[in-house]
Amino acid sequence: MIKLLIVDDHLVVRRGLELLLKPNHGVTIISEASNGLEAIEKTNQHKPDVILMDLKMPKMDGIEATREIIKLHPNARILALTSFTEPDQVNAVIQAGALGYILKDSSAEELINAIHQVADGNLFVPKELANSFRHFQKNVSVDKNNYDLTEREKDVLNLLVSGLTNKEIAEKLFLSDVTARFHVSNIIHKLGVKNRGQVIKKALEEKLI
């Protein structure tokens, strides 16, 4: 069962999410907060598996709260919940340490899937934003350390950051599932991290794509 902390300054949104997730779906709401400062306090108190974080809130916004929570709890898994669709907003919250981004008008099925993906340490970006997010990342001009990644590994990394699973990467690049997993394992090793989530975070922080 995934322990969820809901953070949103609108009571009606919090109650709506409770009703949406009430049928279980492998998720239990353990607490809620109405701003970023409360989110930090509730995270310290309850140690949730996933934090569903609104971005625009009083006292401390979701991006700053995400940044502070990650400082205190580096393995915290945060899913941003917002109505913003601009790629720079997606980038900002992922850079702050969130593992996912879900729009407030998403379907119940997509929200539940996003919570489970983030709980598993995977990046989740809605498909309608994935292309613009990737385009935004490619157009940021910075020096890149390629960690001796092969061209194929760079292709795989690009798709990882877009939120694709190993199976989807294999299909996209016409690889076998075993080969796709092999490339992902190599990328994890070369970047000196432990899992896919850390790969994505490092790729975004160092603009490797």
N, C-alpha and C. Protein backbone atom coordinates (compact mmCIF):
# COMPACT_ATOMS: atom_id res chain seq x y z
N MET A 1 0.84 -1.20 0.00
CA MET A 1 0.00 0.00 0.00
C MET A 1 0.88 1.25 0.00
N ILE A 2 0.63 2.16 -0.93
CA ILE A 2 1.41 3.40 -1.04
C ILE A 2 0.83 4.44 -0.08
N LYS A 3 1.68 4.96 0.81
CA LYS A 3 1.25 6.00 1.75
C LYS A 3 1.42 7.36 1.08
N LEU A 4 0.32 8.10 0.96
CA LEU A 4 0.30 9.34 0.20
C LEU A 4 0.05 10.55 1.08
N LEU A 5 0.84 11.61 0.87
CA LEU A 5 0.61 12.91 1.49
C LEU A 5 0.10 13.85 0.40
N ILE A 6 -1.06 14.47 0.61
CA ILE A 6 -1.63 15.41 -0.35
C ILE A 6 -1.32 16.83 0.10
N VAL A 7 -0.76 17.64 -0.80
CA VAL A 7 -0.42 19.03 -0.48
C VAL A 7 -1.09 19.95 -1.50
N ASP A 8 -2.08 20.72 -1.05
CA ASP A 8 -2.79 21.67 -1.92
C ASP A 8 -3.47 22.69 -1.03
N ASP A 9 -3.44 23.96 -1.43
CA ASP A 9 -4.02 25.00 -0.58
C ASP A 9 -5.54 25.09 -0.70
N HIS A 10 -6.14 24.37 -1.65
CA HIS A 10 -7.59 24.40 -1.81
C HIS A 10 -8.23 23.16 -1.18
N LEU A 11 -9.07 23.39 -0.19
CA LEU A 11 -9.74 22.28 0.51
C LEU A 11 -10.56 21.43 -0.45
N VAL A 12 -11.23 22.08 -1.41
CA VAL A 12 -12.07 21.34 -2.34
C VAL A 12 -11.23 20.37 -3.19
N VAL A 13 -10.00 20.76 -3.52
CA VAL A 13 -9.12 19.87 -4.28
C VAL A 13 -8.71 18.68 -3.42
N ARG A 14 -8.36 18.94 -2.17
CA ARG A 14 -7.95 17.85 -1.28
C ARG A 14 -9.10 16.86 -1.06
N ARG A 15 -10.32 17.39 -0.89
CA ARG A 15 -11.46 16.50 -0.68
C ARG A 15 -11.78 15.72 -1.96
N GLY A 16 -11.62 16.37 -3.10
CA GLY A 16 -11.85 15.69 -4.36
C GLY A 16 -10.88 14.54 -4.58
N LEU A 17 -9.62 14.77 -4.22
CA LEU A 17 -8.61 13.72 -4.35
C LEU A 17 -8.90 12.56 -3.40
N GLU A 18 -9.38 12.89 -2.20
CA GLU A 18 -9.74 11.84 -1.25
C GLU A 18 -10.84 10.95 -1.82
N LEU A 19 -11.86 11.57 -2.41
CA LEU A 19 -12.96 10.80 -3.00
C LEU A 19 -12.46 9.95 -4.17
N LEU A 20 -11.58 10.54 -4.96
CA LEU A 20 -11.04 9.85 -6.13
C LEU A 20 -10.24 8.62 -5.73
N LEU A 21 -9.49 8.74 -4.64
CA LEU A 21 -8.60 7.66 -4.23
C LEU A 21 -9.21 6.75 -3.16
N LYS A 22 -10.42 7.09 -2.73
CA LYS A 22 -11.07 6.33 -1.65
C LYS A 22 -11.27 4.86 -1.99
N PRO A 23 -11.56 4.51 -3.26
CA PRO A 23 -11.74 3.07 -3.56
C PRO A 23 -10.47 2.24 -3.43
N ASN A 24 -9.42 2.82 -2.87
CA ASN A 24 -8.16 2.13 -2.57
C ASN A 24 -7.15 2.29 -3.70
N HIS A 25 -7.19 1.45 -4.74
CA HIS A 25 -6.22 1.53 -5.84
C HIS A 25 -4.79 1.34 -5.36
N GLY A 26 -4.61 0.71 -4.19
CA GLY A 26 -3.27 0.50 -3.67
C GLY A 26 -2.67 1.74 -3.04
N VAL A 27 -3.51 2.75 -2.78
CA VAL A 27 -3.04 4.03 -2.23
C VAL A 27 -3.86 4.37 -0.98
N THR A 28 -3.18 4.80 0.08
CA THR A 28 -3.88 5.27 1.26
C THR A 28 -3.37 6.66 1.63
N ILE A 29 -4.28 7.59 1.87
CA ILE A 29 -3.90 8.96 2.23
C ILE A 29 -3.63 9.02 3.72
N ILE A 30 -2.39 9.34 4.09
CA ILE A 30 -2.03 9.33 5.51
C ILE A 30 -2.08 10.71 6.14
N SER A 31 -2.03 11.77 5.29
CA SER A 31 -2.10 13.12 5.83
C SER A 31 -2.27 14.11 4.68
N GLU A 32 -2.49 15.38 5.03
CA GLU A 32 -2.60 16.43 4.03
C GLU A 32 -2.02 17.72 4.57
N ALA A 33 -1.67 18.62 3.65
CA ALA A 33 -1.10 19.92 4.02
C ALA A 33 -1.64 20.97 3.07
N SER A 34 -1.67 22.23 3.52
CA SER A 34 -2.25 23.30 2.71
C SER A 34 -1.21 24.27 2.16
N ASN A 35 0.07 24.06 2.49
CA ASN A 35 1.13 24.90 1.93
C ASN A 35 2.47 24.17 2.06
N GLY A 36 3.51 24.77 1.49
CA GLY A 36 4.81 24.11 1.47
C GLY A 36 5.42 23.89 2.84
N LEU A 37 5.23 24.84 3.74
CA LEU A 37 5.79 24.68 5.09
C LEU A 37 5.14 23.51 5.81
N GLU A 38 3.82 23.39 5.67
CA GLU A 38 3.13 22.26 6.28
C GLU A 38 3.57 20.95 5.64
N ALA A 39 3.84 20.99 4.33
CA ALA A 39 4.28 19.79 3.63
C ALA A 39 5.59 19.26 4.21
N ILE A 40 6.51 20.16 4.51
CA ILE A 40 7.79 19.76 5.11
C ILE A 40 7.54 19.13 6.48
N GLU A 41 6.70 19.78 7.27
CA GLU A 41 6.38 19.29 8.62
C GLU A 41 5.73 17.91 8.56
N LYS A 42 4.74 17.75 7.67
CA LYS A 42 4.03 16.47 7.57
C LYS A 42 4.93 15.37 7.01
N THR A 43 5.85 15.74 6.12
CA THR A 43 6.80 14.75 5.60
C THR A 43 7.71 14.26 6.71
N ASN A 44 8.20 15.17 7.52
CA ASN A 44 9.05 14.79 8.65
C ASN A 44 8.30 13.87 9.62
N GLN A 45 7.03 14.16 9.79
CA GLN A 45 6.22 13.43 10.77
C GLN A 45 5.78 12.06 10.27
N HIS A 46 5.33 11.98 9.01
CA HIS A 46 4.68 10.76 8.52
C HIS A 46 5.52 9.91 7.57
N LYS A 47 6.59 10.47 6.99
CA LYS A 47 7.44 9.74 6.05
C LYS A 47 6.61 9.05 4.94
N PRO A 48 5.87 9.83 4.15
CA PRO A 48 5.03 9.23 3.10
C PRO A 48 5.87 8.59 2.00
N ASP A 49 5.26 7.64 1.30
CA ASP A 49 5.93 7.02 0.15
C ASP A 49 5.92 7.96 -1.05
N VAL A 50 4.82 8.69 -1.21
CA VAL A 50 4.68 9.65 -2.31
C VAL A 50 4.04 10.92 -1.77
N ILE A 51 4.53 12.07 -2.23
CA ILE A 51 3.94 13.36 -1.88
C ILE A 51 3.33 13.95 -3.14
N LEU A 52 2.02 14.19 -3.12
CA LEU A 52 1.32 14.81 -4.24
C LEU A 52 1.30 16.31 -3.97
N MET A 53 2.11 17.06 -4.72
CA MET A 53 2.45 18.45 -4.37
C MET A 53 1.91 19.47 -5.37
N ASP A 54 1.02 20.34 -4.90
CA ASP A 54 0.59 21.48 -5.71
C ASP A 54 1.77 22.44 -5.85
N LEU A 55 1.80 23.22 -6.93
CA LEU A 55 2.92 24.13 -7.13
C LEU A 55 2.66 25.54 -6.61
N LYS A 56 1.47 26.07 -6.86
CA LYS A 56 1.18 27.45 -6.48
C LYS A 56 0.42 27.48 -5.16
N MET A 57 1.14 27.84 -4.08
CA MET A 57 0.55 27.86 -2.74
C MET A 57 1.11 29.03 -1.95
N PRO A 58 0.39 29.48 -0.91
CA PRO A 58 0.90 30.57 -0.06
C PRO A 58 2.00 30.09 0.87
N LYS A 59 2.71 31.04 1.45
CA LYS A 59 3.78 30.80 2.44
C LYS A 59 5.02 30.17 1.83
N MET A 60 4.87 29.05 1.15
CA MET A 60 5.97 28.43 0.41
C MET A 60 5.38 27.64 -0.74
N ASP A 61 5.84 27.92 -1.97
CA ASP A 61 5.26 27.23 -3.11
C ASP A 61 5.79 25.80 -3.22
N GLY A 62 5.20 25.05 -4.15
CA GLY A 62 5.53 23.64 -4.27
C GLY A 62 6.94 23.36 -4.74
N ILE A 63 7.48 24.24 -5.58
CA ILE A 63 8.85 24.02 -6.08
C ILE A 63 9.85 24.19 -4.95
N GLU A 64 9.69 25.25 -4.16
CA GLU A 64 10.59 25.47 -3.02
C GLU A 64 10.42 24.38 -1.97
N ALA A 65 9.18 23.98 -1.72
CA ALA A 65 8.93 22.91 -0.75
C ALA A 65 9.57 21.60 -1.22
N THR A 66 9.47 21.32 -2.51
CA THR A 66 10.09 20.13 -3.07
C THR A 66 11.60 20.16 -2.84
N ARG A 67 12.20 21.31 -3.13
CA ARG A 67 13.64 21.47 -2.95
C ARG A 67 14.06 21.22 -1.49
N GLU A 68 13.29 21.78 -0.56
CA GLU A 68 13.62 21.64 0.86
C GLU A 68 13.41 20.20 1.34
N ILE A 69 12.34 19.57 0.88
CA ILE A 69 12.07 18.19 1.30
C ILE A 69 13.17 17.25 0.80
N ILE A 70 13.62 17.46 -0.44
CA ILE A 70 14.69 16.62 -0.99
C ILE A 70 15.99 16.81 -0.21
N LYS A 71 16.24 18.02 0.26
CA LYS A 71 17.43 18.25 1.09
C LYS A 71 17.36 17.43 2.38
N LEU A 72 16.18 17.39 2.98
CA LEU A 72 15.99 16.67 4.24
C LEU A 72 15.82 15.17 4.04
N HIS A 73 15.18 14.81 2.93
CA HIS A 73 14.88 13.40 2.65
C HIS A 73 15.23 13.12 1.18
N PRO A 74 16.49 12.85 0.89
CA PRO A 74 16.94 12.70 -0.51
C PRO A 74 16.19 11.64 -1.31
N ASN A 75 15.62 10.66 -0.63
CA ASN A 75 14.89 9.60 -1.34
C ASN A 75 13.39 9.86 -1.42
N ALA A 76 12.96 11.04 -1.01
CA ALA A 76 11.53 11.36 -1.07
C ALA A 76 11.06 11.33 -2.52
N ARG A 77 9.84 10.85 -2.72
CA ARG A 77 9.28 10.75 -4.07
C ARG A 77 8.09 11.69 -4.19
N ILE A 78 8.27 12.70 -5.01
CA ILE A 78 7.29 13.79 -5.10
C ILE A 78 6.69 13.84 -6.50
N LEU A 79 5.36 13.92 -6.54
CA LEU A 79 4.61 14.05 -7.79
C LEU A 79 3.94 15.41 -7.78
N ALA A 80 4.34 16.29 -8.69
CA ALA A 80 3.77 17.63 -8.75
C ALA A 80 2.36 17.59 -9.34
N LEU A 81 1.45 18.34 -8.74
CA LEU A 81 0.06 18.41 -9.19
C LEU A 81 -0.24 19.86 -9.51
N THR A 82 -0.57 20.16 -10.77
CA THR A 82 -0.73 21.56 -11.15
C THR A 82 -1.55 21.71 -12.42
N SER A 83 -1.94 22.94 -12.69
CA SER A 83 -2.65 23.25 -13.93
C SER A 83 -1.71 23.86 -14.95
N PHE A 84 -0.45 24.12 -14.57
CA PHE A 84 0.53 24.69 -15.49
C PHE A 84 0.95 23.66 -16.52
N THR A 85 1.08 24.10 -17.78
CA THR A 85 1.50 23.18 -18.84
C THR A 85 2.78 23.64 -19.54
N GLU A 86 3.36 24.77 -19.11
CA GLU A 86 4.56 25.26 -19.77
C GLU A 86 5.76 24.35 -19.45
N PRO A 87 6.58 24.02 -20.47
CA PRO A 87 7.74 23.15 -20.25
C PRO A 87 8.69 23.65 -19.18
N ASP A 88 8.83 24.99 -19.04
CA ASP A 88 9.77 25.49 -18.03
C ASP A 88 9.27 25.20 -16.62
N GLN A 89 7.93 25.13 -16.44
CA GLN A 89 7.38 24.76 -15.14
C GLN A 89 7.66 23.29 -14.84
N VAL A 90 7.49 22.45 -15.86
CA VAL A 90 7.80 21.03 -15.70
C VAL A 90 9.27 20.89 -15.32
N ASN A 91 10.12 21.57 -16.07
CA ASN A 91 11.56 21.49 -15.83
C ASN A 91 11.91 21.96 -14.41
N ALA A 92 11.30 23.05 -13.97
CA ALA A 92 11.64 23.62 -12.66
C ALA A 92 11.35 22.65 -11.52
N VAL A 93 10.20 21.99 -11.58
CA VAL A 93 9.84 21.10 -10.47
C VAL A 93 10.65 19.80 -10.53
N ILE A 94 10.98 19.32 -11.73
CA ILE A 94 11.83 18.14 -11.84
C ILE A 94 13.24 18.46 -11.37
N GLN A 95 13.72 19.65 -11.74
CA GLN A 95 15.05 20.08 -11.29
C GLN A 95 15.09 20.19 -9.77
N ALA A 96 13.97 20.58 -9.17
CA ALA A 96 13.91 20.71 -7.71
C ALA A 96 13.96 19.36 -7.02
N GLY A 97 13.66 18.29 -7.76
CA GLY A 97 13.77 16.96 -7.18
C GLY A 97 12.54 16.08 -7.32
N ALA A 98 11.46 16.61 -7.91
CA ALA A 98 10.26 15.80 -8.10
C ALA A 98 10.53 14.71 -9.14
N LEU A 99 9.81 13.61 -9.01
CA LEU A 99 9.95 12.51 -9.97
C LEU A 99 8.81 12.48 -10.97
N GLY A 100 7.85 13.38 -10.81
CA GLY A 100 6.73 13.35 -11.73
C GLY A 100 5.94 14.63 -11.73
N TYR A 101 5.03 14.72 -12.71
CA TYR A 101 4.27 15.93 -12.96
C TYR A 101 2.92 15.51 -13.53
N ILE A 102 1.83 15.87 -12.86
CA ILE A 102 0.50 15.47 -13.32
C ILE A 102 -0.41 16.70 -13.36
N LEU A 103 -1.21 16.81 -14.39
CA LEU A 103 -2.12 17.94 -14.52
C LEU A 103 -3.40 17.70 -13.71
N LYS A 104 -3.98 18.78 -13.20
CA LYS A 104 -5.16 18.66 -12.34
C LYS A 104 -6.38 18.15 -13.10
N ASP A 105 -6.39 18.30 -14.42
CA ASP A 105 -7.53 17.80 -15.18
C ASP A 105 -7.30 16.40 -15.75
N SER A 106 -6.27 15.71 -15.23
CA SER A 106 -6.00 14.35 -15.68
C SER A 106 -7.09 13.40 -15.20
N SER A 107 -7.21 12.28 -15.88
CA SER A 107 -8.20 11.28 -15.49
C SER A 107 -7.76 10.58 -14.21
N ALA A 108 -8.71 9.95 -13.54
CA ALA A 108 -8.40 9.19 -12.33
C ALA A 108 -7.39 8.09 -12.63
N GLU A 109 -7.56 7.45 -13.77
CA GLU A 109 -6.66 6.37 -14.16
C GLU A 109 -5.23 6.87 -14.32
N GLU A 110 -5.07 8.04 -14.95
CA GLU A 110 -3.73 8.58 -15.16
C GLU A 110 -3.11 9.02 -13.83
N LEU A 111 -3.90 9.61 -12.95
CA LEU A 111 -3.38 10.03 -11.64
C LEU A 111 -2.89 8.82 -10.85
N ILE A 112 -3.69 7.78 -10.81
CA ILE A 112 -3.32 6.58 -10.05
C ILE A 112 -2.07 5.94 -10.65
N ASN A 113 -2.00 5.90 -11.98
CA ASN A 113 -0.81 5.37 -12.65
C ASN A 113 0.42 6.20 -12.29
N ALA A 114 0.27 7.53 -12.29
CA ALA A 114 1.39 8.42 -11.97
C ALA A 114 1.88 8.18 -10.55
N ILE A 115 0.96 8.04 -9.61
CA ILE A 115 1.35 7.79 -8.21
C ILE A 115 2.15 6.49 -8.10
N HIS A 116 1.69 5.45 -8.79
CA HIS A 116 2.39 4.17 -8.74
C HIS A 116 3.75 4.25 -9.42
N GLN A 117 3.82 4.97 -10.55
CA GLN A 117 5.10 5.12 -11.26
C GLN A 117 6.13 5.82 -10.38
N VAL A 118 5.72 6.91 -9.75
CA VAL A 118 6.63 7.67 -8.89
C VAL A 118 7.01 6.85 -7.66
N ALA A 119 6.06 6.11 -7.10
CA ALA A 119 6.36 5.26 -5.95
C ALA A 119 7.42 4.23 -6.29
N ASP A 120 7.44 3.80 -7.55
CA ASP A 120 8.44 2.81 -8.01
C ASP A 120 9.77 3.47 -8.39
N GLY A 121 9.85 4.80 -8.27
CA GLY A 121 11.09 5.50 -8.59
C GLY A 121 11.23 5.89 -10.04
N ASN A 122 10.13 5.85 -10.80
CA ASN A 122 10.17 6.22 -12.21
C ASN A 122 9.71 7.66 -12.42
N LEU A 123 10.22 8.29 -13.46
CA LEU A 123 9.75 9.62 -13.83
C LEU A 123 8.39 9.50 -14.51
N PHE A 124 7.47 10.40 -14.17
CA PHE A 124 6.19 10.44 -14.87
C PHE A 124 5.95 11.85 -15.39
N VAL A 125 5.83 11.97 -16.71
CA VAL A 125 5.43 13.22 -17.36
C VAL A 125 4.29 12.87 -18.30
N PRO A 126 3.16 13.58 -18.24
CA PRO A 126 2.04 13.27 -19.13
C PRO A 126 2.48 13.24 -20.59
N LYS A 127 1.93 12.31 -21.34
CA LYS A 127 2.34 12.14 -22.73
C LYS A 127 2.17 13.41 -23.54
N GLU A 128 1.13 14.21 -23.22
CA GLU A 128 0.90 15.43 -23.99
C GLU A 128 1.97 16.49 -23.73
N LEU A 129 2.75 16.32 -22.64
CA LEU A 129 3.81 17.26 -22.33
C LEU A 129 5.20 16.70 -22.60
N ALA A 130 5.30 15.41 -22.85
CA ALA A 130 6.62 14.77 -22.97
C ALA A 130 7.44 15.36 -24.10
N ASN A 131 6.83 15.57 -25.27
CA ASN A 131 7.59 16.09 -26.41
C ASN A 131 8.07 17.52 -26.18
N SER A 132 7.19 18.38 -25.64
CA SER A 132 7.59 19.77 -25.40
C SER A 132 8.62 19.84 -24.29
N PHE A 133 8.51 18.96 -23.30
CA PHE A 133 9.49 18.91 -22.21
C PHE A 133 10.85 18.53 -22.75
N ARG A 134 10.89 17.50 -23.60
CA ARG A 134 12.15 17.05 -24.19
C ARG A 134 12.73 18.13 -25.08
N HIS A 135 11.87 18.82 -25.85
CA HIS A 135 12.34 19.90 -26.73
C HIS A 135 12.94 21.03 -25.91
N PHE A 136 12.30 21.36 -24.79
CA PHE A 136 12.80 22.42 -23.91
C PHE A 136 14.19 22.05 -23.40
N GLN A 137 14.35 20.80 -22.97
CA GLN A 137 15.64 20.36 -22.44
C GLN A 137 16.73 20.44 -23.50
N LYS A 138 16.40 20.05 -24.73
CA LYS A 138 17.39 20.04 -25.80
C LYS A 138 17.85 21.45 -26.16
N ASN A 139 17.01 22.44 -25.90
CA ASN A 139 17.33 23.80 -26.31
C ASN A 139 17.97 24.63 -25.19
N VAL A 140 18.30 23.98 -24.08
CA VAL A 140 19.05 24.66 -23.03
C VAL A 140 20.53 24.53 -23.35
N SER A 141 21.22 25.64 -23.52
CA SER A 141 22.62 25.61 -23.92
C SER A 141 23.53 25.54 -22.70
N VAL A 142 24.20 24.39 -22.55
CA VAL A 142 25.14 24.21 -21.44
C VAL A 142 26.26 23.28 -21.89
N ASP A 143 27.34 23.27 -21.12
CA ASP A 143 28.40 22.30 -21.36
C ASP A 143 27.94 20.95 -20.85
N LYS A 144 28.22 19.90 -21.58
CA LYS A 144 27.74 18.58 -21.22
C LYS A 144 28.89 17.62 -20.95
N ASN A 145 28.78 16.87 -19.87
CA ASN A 145 29.67 15.76 -19.60
C ASN A 145 28.94 14.52 -20.07
N ASN A 146 29.45 13.85 -21.09
CA ASN A 146 28.68 12.74 -21.66
C ASN A 146 28.96 11.40 -20.97
N TYR A 147 29.86 11.38 -19.98
CA TYR A 147 30.14 10.16 -19.22
C TYR A 147 30.48 8.97 -20.13
N ASP A 148 31.04 9.26 -21.29
CA ASP A 148 31.41 8.21 -22.25
C ASP A 148 30.21 7.37 -22.69
N LEU A 149 29.05 7.99 -22.73
CA LEU A 149 27.86 7.28 -23.21
C LEU A 149 27.96 7.07 -24.72
N THR A 150 27.58 5.89 -25.16
CA THR A 150 27.53 5.63 -26.60
C THR A 150 26.33 6.37 -27.20
N GLU A 151 26.28 6.46 -28.51
CA GLU A 151 25.15 7.12 -29.16
C GLU A 151 23.85 6.40 -28.83
N ARG A 152 23.89 5.08 -28.79
CA ARG A 152 22.68 4.32 -28.46
C ARG A 152 22.26 4.57 -27.02
N GLU A 153 23.23 4.66 -26.11
CA GLU A 153 22.91 4.95 -24.71
C GLU A 153 22.31 6.35 -24.56
N LYS A 154 22.79 7.29 -25.37
CA LYS A 154 22.22 8.63 -25.34
C LYS A 154 20.77 8.60 -25.82
N ASP A 155 20.50 7.78 -26.83
CA ASP A 155 19.12 7.62 -27.31
C ASP A 155 18.23 7.07 -26.20
N VAL A 156 18.75 6.06 -25.51
CA VAL A 156 18.00 5.43 -24.42
C VAL A 156 17.78 6.43 -23.28
N LEU A 157 18.81 7.19 -22.95
CA LEU A 157 18.71 8.18 -21.88
C LEU A 157 17.64 9.23 -22.21
N ASN A 158 17.63 9.66 -23.46
CA ASN A 158 16.64 10.64 -23.90
C ASN A 158 15.22 10.13 -23.68
N LEU A 159 15.00 8.86 -23.99
CA LEU A 159 13.68 8.26 -23.82
C LEU A 159 13.35 8.01 -22.35
N LEU A 160 14.37 7.68 -21.57
CA LEU A 160 14.18 7.52 -20.12
C LEU A 160 13.64 8.81 -19.51
N VAL A 161 14.27 9.92 -19.88
CA VAL A 161 13.87 11.22 -19.33
C VAL A 161 12.48 11.62 -19.80
N SER A 162 12.07 11.08 -20.95
CA SER A 162 10.72 11.35 -21.45
C SER A 162 9.67 10.51 -20.75
N GLY A 163 10.12 9.62 -19.84
CA GLY A 163 9.18 8.85 -19.05
C GLY A 163 8.83 7.48 -19.58
N LEU A 164 9.55 7.00 -20.60
CA LEU A 164 9.24 5.70 -21.18
C LEU A 164 9.78 4.56 -20.31
N THR A 165 9.06 3.45 -20.31
CA THR A 165 9.51 2.25 -19.61
C THR A 165 10.53 1.52 -20.48
N ASN A 166 11.20 0.51 -19.92
CA ASN A 166 12.16 -0.28 -20.70
C ASN A 166 11.49 -0.90 -21.93
N LYS A 167 10.29 -1.41 -21.75
CA LYS A 167 9.57 -2.05 -22.86
C LYS A 167 9.26 -1.03 -23.96
N GLU A 168 8.82 0.17 -23.56
CA GLU A 168 8.51 1.21 -24.54
C GLU A 168 9.77 1.69 -25.25
N ILE A 169 10.89 1.75 -24.51
CA ILE A 169 12.17 2.13 -25.13
C ILE A 169 12.57 1.09 -26.17
N ALA A 170 12.41 -0.18 -25.81
CA ALA A 170 12.75 -1.27 -26.73
C ALA A 170 11.93 -1.15 -28.02
N GLU A 171 10.64 -0.89 -27.88
CA GLU A 171 9.77 -0.77 -29.05
C GLU A 171 10.14 0.45 -29.89
N LYS A 172 10.45 1.55 -29.23
CA LYS A 172 10.76 2.80 -29.93
C LYS A 172 12.06 2.68 -30.73
N LEU A 173 13.04 1.97 -30.16
CA LEU A 173 14.36 1.87 -30.80
C LEU A 173 14.55 0.54 -31.53
N PHE A 174 13.48 -0.26 -31.61
CA PHE A 174 13.53 -1.56 -32.30
C PHE A 174 14.59 -2.47 -31.69
N LEU A 175 14.57 -2.53 -30.35
CA LEU A 175 15.49 -3.38 -29.61
C LEU A 175 14.71 -4.49 -28.92
N SER A 176 15.42 -5.52 -28.48
CA SER A 176 14.79 -6.53 -27.63
C SER A 176 14.68 -5.96 -26.22
N ASP A 177 13.78 -6.51 -25.41
CA ASP A 177 13.64 -6.05 -24.03
C ASP A 177 14.95 -6.23 -23.26
N VAL A 178 15.64 -7.33 -23.53
CA VAL A 178 16.91 -7.62 -22.85
C VAL A 178 17.95 -6.56 -23.19
N THR A 179 18.03 -6.18 -24.46
CA THR A 179 19.00 -5.16 -24.89
C THR A 179 18.68 -3.81 -24.27
N ALA A 180 17.41 -3.46 -24.22
CA ALA A 180 17.01 -2.19 -23.61
C ALA A 180 17.41 -2.16 -22.14
N ARG A 181 17.15 -3.25 -21.42
CA ARG A 181 17.54 -3.32 -20.00
C ARG A 181 19.05 -3.23 -19.84
N PHE A 182 19.78 -3.84 -20.78
CA PHE A 182 21.24 -3.80 -20.74
C PHE A 182 21.74 -2.36 -20.87
N HIS A 183 21.16 -1.60 -21.81
CA HIS A 183 21.57 -0.20 -21.99
C HIS A 183 21.24 0.63 -20.76
N VAL A 184 20.06 0.41 -20.17
CA VAL A 184 19.68 1.16 -18.97
C VAL A 184 20.66 0.85 -17.83
N SER A 185 21.02 -0.42 -17.67
CA SER A 185 21.97 -0.81 -16.62
C SER A 185 23.33 -0.15 -16.84
N ASN A 186 23.77 -0.09 -18.10
CA ASN A 186 25.04 0.57 -18.41
C ASN A 186 25.01 2.05 -18.07
N ILE A 187 23.89 2.69 -18.38
CA ILE A 187 23.75 4.12 -18.09
C ILE A 187 23.81 4.36 -16.58
N ILE A 188 23.10 3.53 -15.82
CA ILE A 188 23.12 3.65 -14.36
C ILE A 188 24.54 3.53 -13.83
N HIS A 189 25.28 2.55 -14.36
CA HIS A 189 26.67 2.33 -13.93
C HIS A 189 27.56 3.52 -14.31
N LYS A 190 27.46 4.00 -15.54
CA LYS A 190 28.33 5.09 -16.01
C LYS A 190 28.06 6.40 -15.28
N LEU A 191 26.81 6.64 -14.92
CA LEU A 191 26.47 7.89 -14.23
C LEU A 191 26.74 7.80 -12.73
N GLY A 192 27.06 6.58 -12.25
CA GLY A 192 27.39 6.41 -10.84
C GLY A 192 26.20 6.59 -9.92
N VAL A 193 25.02 6.14 -10.39
CA VAL A 193 23.81 6.25 -9.57
C VAL A 193 23.25 4.86 -9.32
N LYS A 194 22.11 4.80 -8.61
CA LYS A 194 21.60 3.51 -8.17
C LYS A 194 20.34 3.04 -8.89
N ASN A 195 19.59 3.97 -9.48
CA ASN A 195 18.33 3.56 -10.10
C ASN A 195 17.91 4.54 -11.19
N ARG A 196 16.81 4.21 -11.87
CA ARG A 196 16.31 5.03 -12.97
C ARG A 196 15.97 6.45 -12.53
N GLY A 197 15.36 6.56 -11.36
CA GLY A 197 14.99 7.88 -10.87
C GLY A 197 16.20 8.79 -10.71
N GLN A 198 17.30 8.23 -10.18
CA GLN A 198 18.52 9.02 -10.00
C GLN A 198 19.17 9.33 -11.35
N VAL A 199 19.04 8.42 -12.31
CA VAL A 199 19.53 8.69 -13.67
C VAL A 199 18.83 9.92 -14.23
N ILE A 200 17.51 9.94 -14.12
CA ILE A 200 16.72 11.04 -14.67
C ILE A 200 17.07 12.35 -13.98
N LYS A 201 17.18 12.31 -12.66
CA LYS A 201 17.51 13.53 -11.92
C LYS A 201 18.87 14.07 -12.34
N LYS A 202 19.87 13.17 -12.47
CA LYS A 202 21.21 13.61 -12.84
C LYS A 202 21.24 14.13 -14.27
N ALA A 203 20.50 13.46 -15.15
CA ALA A 203 20.45 13.90 -16.55
C ALA A 203 19.87 15.30 -16.67
N LEU A 204 18.86 15.59 -15.85
CA LEU A 204 18.25 16.92 -15.88
C LEU A 204 19.14 17.97 -15.23
N GLU A 205 19.74 17.61 -14.11
CA GLU A 205 20.61 18.56 -13.40
C GLU A 205 21.82 18.95 -14.24
N GLU A 206 22.38 17.97 -14.96
CA GLU A 206 23.60 18.22 -15.73
C GLU A 206 23.32 18.42 -17.22
N LYS A 207 22.03 18.48 -17.57
CA LYS A 207 21.62 18.71 -18.96
C LYS A 207 22.31 17.74 -19.91
N LEU A 208 22.19 16.45 -19.63
CA LEU A 208 22.85 15.43 -20.45
C LEU A 208 22.08 15.10 -21.71
N ILE A 209 20.87 15.64 -21.84
CA ILE A 209 20.08 15.35 -23.04
C ILE A 209 19.87 16.62 -23.86
